Amino acid sequence: MKTRVVAIILIGVLLSSIMVGLATSASAALNSISTRPDAVVTTLDKGTITLTPPVSRSSGPWIVEITDERIATANGLVVTLRAVGSTVIRYVQPSTGGFTNSVSDFSRLTINPGTPTLGAFADRTTNLSQNLIALTPPTSNSDGAWVYESLNTDIAMVSGNLVTLRDGGTVEIRATQAATGRWLS
């Protein structure tokens, strides 16, 4: 009789384990993406941007992978812009909580040339007898070449970064920085 009772108890424990296993796998859900990520277009002068990931059924964190790290790098959802160009963003959400699968999606990141940040182009006062002065360009995060123009050639003429004084008075010198592959003019 003892053997029979032990066998019935063991069968009961085994059936309970199977039922718990079935209940656990029945409650495990598959994660899916409900809203896909948009393509991102930005300019280099932004420096960093924060991405909006896809929307899924899980509240778990997203991992961002950038295909071409010469163009941009990612730390979480924050992307550091490094160069003009285009690359693929891969969003990955590992399985978490009650979800048994990870999900991933892709979008494109396009970085266009930025607008450089320019410092002041300082006013200068000089004597006509000095005849020739050299211009110092404004500070800039662009490496584009500078071109200067006198807005009154009766008072001063410009060649390269040198100003030849011709007559007394006030003259405006316009400084323009050329565009580069990374920066607008």
Protein backbone atom coordinates (compact mmCIF):
# COMPACT_ATOMS: atom_id res chain seq x y z
CA MET A 1 0.00 0.00 0.00
CA LYS A 2 2.89 2.33 0.79
CA THR A 3 4.33 1.88 -2.64
CA ARG A 4 1.04 2.71 -4.28
CA VAL A 5 0.61 5.92 -2.20
CA VAL A 6 4.16 7.07 -3.01
CA ALA A 7 3.57 6.36 -6.71
CA ILE A 8 0.31 8.34 -6.68
CA ILE A 9 2.06 11.26 -4.92
CA LEU A 10 4.92 11.19 -7.45
CA ILE A 11 2.45 11.15 -10.33
CA GLY A 12 0.66 14.12 -8.73
CA VAL A 13 3.93 16.07 -8.37
CA LEU A 14 4.85 15.27 -11.98
CA LEU A 15 1.44 16.41 -13.26
CA SER A 16 1.74 19.64 -11.21
CA SER A 17 5.16 20.36 -12.75
CA ILE A 18 3.81 19.76 -16.25
CA MET A 19 0.83 22.06 -15.59
CA VAL A 20 3.10 24.83 -14.25
CA GLY A 21 5.36 24.44 -17.30
CA LEU A 22 2.39 24.63 -19.64
CA ALA A 23 0.99 27.67 -17.84
CA THR A 24 4.37 29.42 -17.99
CA SER A 25 4.81 28.79 -21.72
CA ALA A 26 1.21 29.77 -22.38
CA SER A 27 1.72 33.11 -20.60
CA ALA A 28 5.01 33.83 -22.47
CA ALA A 29 4.26 36.23 -25.30
CA LEU A 30 5.95 37.14 -28.53
CA ASN A 31 7.14 40.71 -28.85
CA SER A 32 6.41 42.58 -32.07
CA ILE A 33 6.99 46.05 -33.50
CA SER A 34 3.86 48.15 -33.98
CA THR A 35 5.45 51.39 -35.23
CA ARG A 36 8.57 51.37 -37.39
CA PRO A 37 11.29 53.99 -36.95
CA ASP A 38 11.42 56.95 -39.33
CA ALA A 39 14.47 57.78 -41.40
CA VAL A 40 16.55 60.49 -39.71
CA VAL A 41 17.91 63.49 -41.63
CA THR A 42 20.03 66.02 -39.73
CA THR A 43 23.00 68.36 -40.12
CA LEU A 44 26.53 67.95 -38.83
CA ASP A 45 26.42 71.11 -36.69
CA LYS A 46 23.85 69.48 -34.37
CA GLY A 47 26.72 67.47 -32.82
CA THR A 48 24.46 64.90 -31.15
CA ILE A 49 20.87 63.79 -31.61
CA THR A 50 18.54 61.51 -29.68
CA LEU A 51 16.79 58.81 -31.69
CA THR A 52 13.18 57.74 -31.30
CA PRO A 53 13.13 53.93 -31.39
CA PRO A 54 10.40 51.74 -32.87
CA VAL A 55 7.33 51.05 -30.73
CA SER A 56 6.89 47.47 -29.56
CA ARG A 57 4.79 45.50 -27.09
CA SER A 58 7.74 45.37 -24.66
CA SER A 59 8.90 48.23 -22.45
CA GLY A 60 12.46 46.89 -22.52
CA PRO A 61 15.40 49.11 -23.53
CA TRP A 62 16.56 49.48 -27.12
CA ILE A 63 20.12 48.99 -28.33
CA VAL A 64 21.23 51.09 -31.31
CA GLU A 65 23.89 49.92 -33.76
CA ILE A 66 25.33 52.24 -36.44
CA THR A 67 26.61 50.42 -39.52
CA ASP A 68 29.28 53.00 -40.49
CA GLU A 69 30.94 54.45 -37.39
CA ARG A 70 32.89 56.92 -39.52
CA ILE A 71 29.52 58.69 -40.02
CA ALA A 72 28.12 58.41 -36.46
CA THR A 73 28.42 56.49 -33.20
CA ALA A 74 25.72 55.58 -30.69
CA ASN A 75 25.55 55.39 -26.90
CA GLY A 76 22.06 54.21 -26.02
CA LEU A 77 19.69 56.33 -28.13
CA VAL A 78 22.13 59.28 -28.26
CA VAL A 79 24.02 59.50 -31.56
CA THR A 80 27.21 61.52 -32.04
CA LEU A 81 27.43 62.91 -35.57
CA ARG A 82 30.94 62.54 -37.00
CA ALA A 83 30.81 63.14 -40.76
CA VAL A 84 28.56 64.00 -43.68
CA GLY A 85 27.07 60.89 -45.25
CA SER A 86 24.48 58.18 -44.84
CA THR A 87 24.41 54.97 -42.83
CA VAL A 88 22.00 52.36 -41.49
CA ILE A 89 20.67 52.41 -37.93
CA ARG A 90 19.76 49.02 -36.44
CA TYR A 91 17.44 49.05 -33.43
CA VAL A 92 17.50 45.88 -31.28
CA GLN A 93 15.27 45.15 -28.30
CA PRO A 94 16.38 42.01 -26.44
CA SER A 95 13.80 39.64 -24.99
CA THR A 96 12.71 40.87 -21.57
CA GLY A 97 10.05 40.20 -18.98
CA GLY A 98 7.27 38.04 -20.36
CA PHE A 99 8.49 38.25 -23.97
CA THR A 100 10.45 35.32 -25.32
CA ASN A 101 11.88 36.89 -28.46
CA SER A 102 14.02 39.88 -29.34
CA VAL A 103 12.95 42.25 -32.11
CA SER A 104 14.91 44.48 -34.45
CA ASP A 105 14.28 47.02 -37.17
CA PHE A 106 16.26 49.33 -39.40
CA SER A 107 16.15 52.93 -40.57
CA ARG A 108 18.52 55.29 -42.37
CA LEU A 109 20.54 58.16 -40.91
CA THR A 110 21.55 60.93 -43.32
CA ILE A 111 23.87 63.71 -42.15
CA ASN A 112 24.06 66.81 -44.34
CA PRO A 113 26.67 69.59 -44.16
CA GLY A 114 26.17 71.91 -41.20
CA THR A 115 26.26 75.66 -40.76
CA PRO A 116 29.59 76.66 -39.22
CA THR A 117 29.77 78.62 -35.99
CA LEU A 118 31.58 81.87 -36.69
CA GLY A 119 33.28 84.19 -34.25
CA ALA A 120 33.40 87.97 -34.57
CA PHE A 121 35.17 89.67 -37.49
CA ALA A 122 36.76 92.44 -35.45
CA ASP A 123 36.64 96.09 -36.49
CA ARG A 124 40.05 97.66 -37.02
CA THR A 125 41.32 101.19 -37.02
CA THR A 126 44.57 102.03 -38.76
CA ASN A 127 46.48 105.01 -40.16
CA LEU A 128 46.43 105.65 -43.90
CA SER A 129 50.23 105.84 -43.78
CA GLN A 130 50.31 102.14 -42.86
CA ASN A 131 49.26 101.48 -46.50
CA LEU A 132 48.95 97.66 -46.17
CA ILE A 133 47.29 95.55 -43.45
CA ALA A 134 46.70 91.81 -43.10
CA LEU A 135 43.23 90.57 -42.20
CA THR A 136 42.65 88.01 -39.46
CA PRO A 137 39.66 85.78 -40.27
CA PRO A 138 36.89 85.14 -37.75
CA THR A 139 37.12 81.91 -35.76
CA SER A 140 35.17 79.06 -37.30
CA ASN A 141 34.68 75.32 -36.82
CA SER A 142 34.82 74.97 -40.63
CA ASP A 143 38.09 74.61 -42.48
CA GLY A 144 36.74 76.41 -45.57
CA ALA A 145 38.93 79.07 -47.20
CA TRP A 146 38.17 82.74 -46.54
CA VAL A 147 37.53 85.28 -49.29
CA TYR A 148 37.48 89.02 -48.53
CA GLU A 149 35.81 91.84 -50.44
CA SER A 150 36.02 95.63 -50.03
CA LEU A 151 32.63 97.31 -50.29
CA ASN A 152 34.31 100.63 -51.20
CA THR A 153 37.36 100.17 -53.45
CA ASP A 154 37.99 103.97 -53.45
CA ILE A 155 39.09 103.63 -49.81
CA ALA A 156 40.58 100.10 -49.73
CA MET A 157 41.26 97.21 -52.11
CA VAL A 158 41.62 93.59 -51.04
CA SER A 159 43.88 90.91 -52.49
CA GLY A 160 43.86 87.60 -50.63
CA ASN A 161 43.97 88.58 -46.97
CA LEU A 162 45.84 91.87 -47.59
CA VAL A 163 44.11 95.26 -47.65
CA THR A 164 45.74 98.14 -49.55
CA LEU A 165 44.63 101.49 -48.15
CA ARG A 166 43.89 104.05 -50.90
CA ASP A 167 42.20 106.94 -49.13
CA GLY A 168 40.99 107.99 -45.68
CA GLY A 169 37.52 107.01 -44.51
CA THR A 170 35.51 104.05 -43.32
CA VAL A 171 35.20 100.91 -45.39
CA GLU A 172 33.39 97.66 -44.83
CA ILE A 173 35.30 94.48 -45.62
CA ARG A 174 33.11 91.42 -46.15
CA ALA A 175 34.55 88.03 -45.14
CA THR A 176 32.96 84.93 -46.69
CA GLN A 177 33.96 81.36 -45.87
CA ALA A 178 33.79 78.79 -48.65
CA ALA A 179 31.70 75.65 -48.29
CA THR A 180 33.43 72.32 -47.73
CA GLY A 181 32.22 68.73 -47.79
CA ARG A 182 31.30 69.07 -44.10
CA TRP A 183 30.18 72.70 -43.89
CA LEU A 184 27.97 75.14 -45.78
CA SER A 185 29.36 78.58 -46.60
